[in-house]
Amino acid sequence: MSDRNAPHHPLIAAGHESYAAITASVVDPVLARPAGWGWWLAVAVSFVFLLMTAGAIGYLFTTGIGVWGVNYTVVWGYAIASYVWWIAIGSGGTLISSILVLTRQEWRRSINRFAESMTIFAVAIAGLFPILHLGRPQYFYWLAPYPNTMGLWPQWRSALVWDFWAILSYLLFSILFLYVGLIPDLATMRDRARGRLAQVLYGAFALGWRGSAQHWRCYAILHRTLAALAVPLVVSVHSIVGLDFAASLMPGWQESLFPPYFVVGALYSGFAMVLLLTLLVRWGLQLQTIITVSHFDSMAKVILAGSVLMTYSYATEWFMAWYGGSHADRTVVAFLFGGAYAPLYWTQLLFNCVVPQALWWKRVRRSMPALAVISVLILVGMWIERILIIWGTLSRGFMPSLWHLFYPTVSDWLLLFGPLGFFAFMFLWFIRLVPAVSMHEVRSLVRKEGLA
């Protein structure tokens, strides 16, 4: 089909609807186009952050968690807040992909791989923080009920055991979900690769895929089944994280709202991260032909809905503290609004509730710089929310004699920013080794819409 006569489609740029054009757009950055200086610079910077993370962990292991700002009142700090934030990013990734598959949203075809790969890296990072916080991390395997000579079994009432199984099962499932979706595209990479090593590696991971009708039928059944299994798994995973707090007796935490509240927060922050990654990959790999403005418009609408739900959740917390009549709960809410952490709390409300309301306007939803700024602010606001959930309660518990503030140390800051570089390092190599966009999904859209 010529460029002049090609029909316009909101999800595929005119003149690029052919199968060959779609395949070339995705494959060429991996196989044909050498990595530019920008990519190598990003890898170098992220590697520095990776070394910083490793150094901070090594110092923690040799010295102890006293290097953090935790005290005998605020026993949780940056590590647990980062754990909740990273697990939310990871939970949001697969939840986004699976829900969009089940609801047959066509615009998800160009972004689902970002979400699924993001999940694996974020969950892997999240799994580090509970281990770092154990105090004796060398015994983390005690959380698993394995046969042993001492007859030692985990305490099933401990949230640490819930987290262990939630993270492990979710990580394994996410790897399987991503890999199944990659198989047809790995076969394409196998057939187009020029080097013998690339052909062998892509061919091995493609598992002998030939694209026959039988292969496609089995693939469709398996992929949709995994998507259906992903939704309850993701909801249960982040509900367990919410129950880590809700199952306690501390004021401000003992709420039945926490499990659904954490699930909504995971979807919200997960979509913000996917939107930011889509912006960067679209610009870096020059994928403007198959990631159009309409994709960002759709993602922005979901983020706007998430902002409304988060605002409703915050209002519910305030109302229940007042309506419940508990002096301790009211003290926690009053402390958040007017205490030492008030500037952070107002910043959280600004970033999570007020700023995203700009997405009601179509011009903002289709502006790349505006979306990038809003996504970053939401991610910052959601991390502030996580840390204030911890600080707000632990700094103002039941006994005034135990009211203390948290003061972060250098180690806290290193383990806050270091994993961001670790995540970027893994993601940068991922998009250079495998197709960043699901080619067979986009080609399926072209065939379905009758564009080619």
Foldseek 3Di string as FASTA:
>chain_A
DAQVPFDDDQQFHGRQLDLVSLLCLFQCLQAPDDADPVLVVLLVVLVVLQVLQVVLLVVCQVPHPVLWLADPQLLDFLLLLLLLLLQLLLLLLLLVLLVCVVVVPLLCQFQNLVSLVSNLLSLVLSVVSVLSSPRNSVVLCQLDQDDDDVPRHDDVVALSNVLVVLSVVSNVLSVVLSLLLQLVQLVVQLVPHDDPVSVVVSCVSNVPDDPDPVVVVVSVVVNNVSSVVSNVSSLSSQLSVLCNQCVDPFALNVDPLRSVLSNLLSNLLNLLVSLLVVLVCCVSSVSCRRGDLVSLLVSLVSNLVSLVVNVVSVVVLQVCLVVVPDPLNNQLVVCCCDNPVNVLSVLLCCLRHPLSVVSVDSVLSSDSVSSNVSSVSNSSSSSSVSRSSSQSGSQRTDDPVRRDGGDTHPSSVSVNCSSVSVSSNVVSVVSNNGRSGSSVSSSVVSVVVVSD
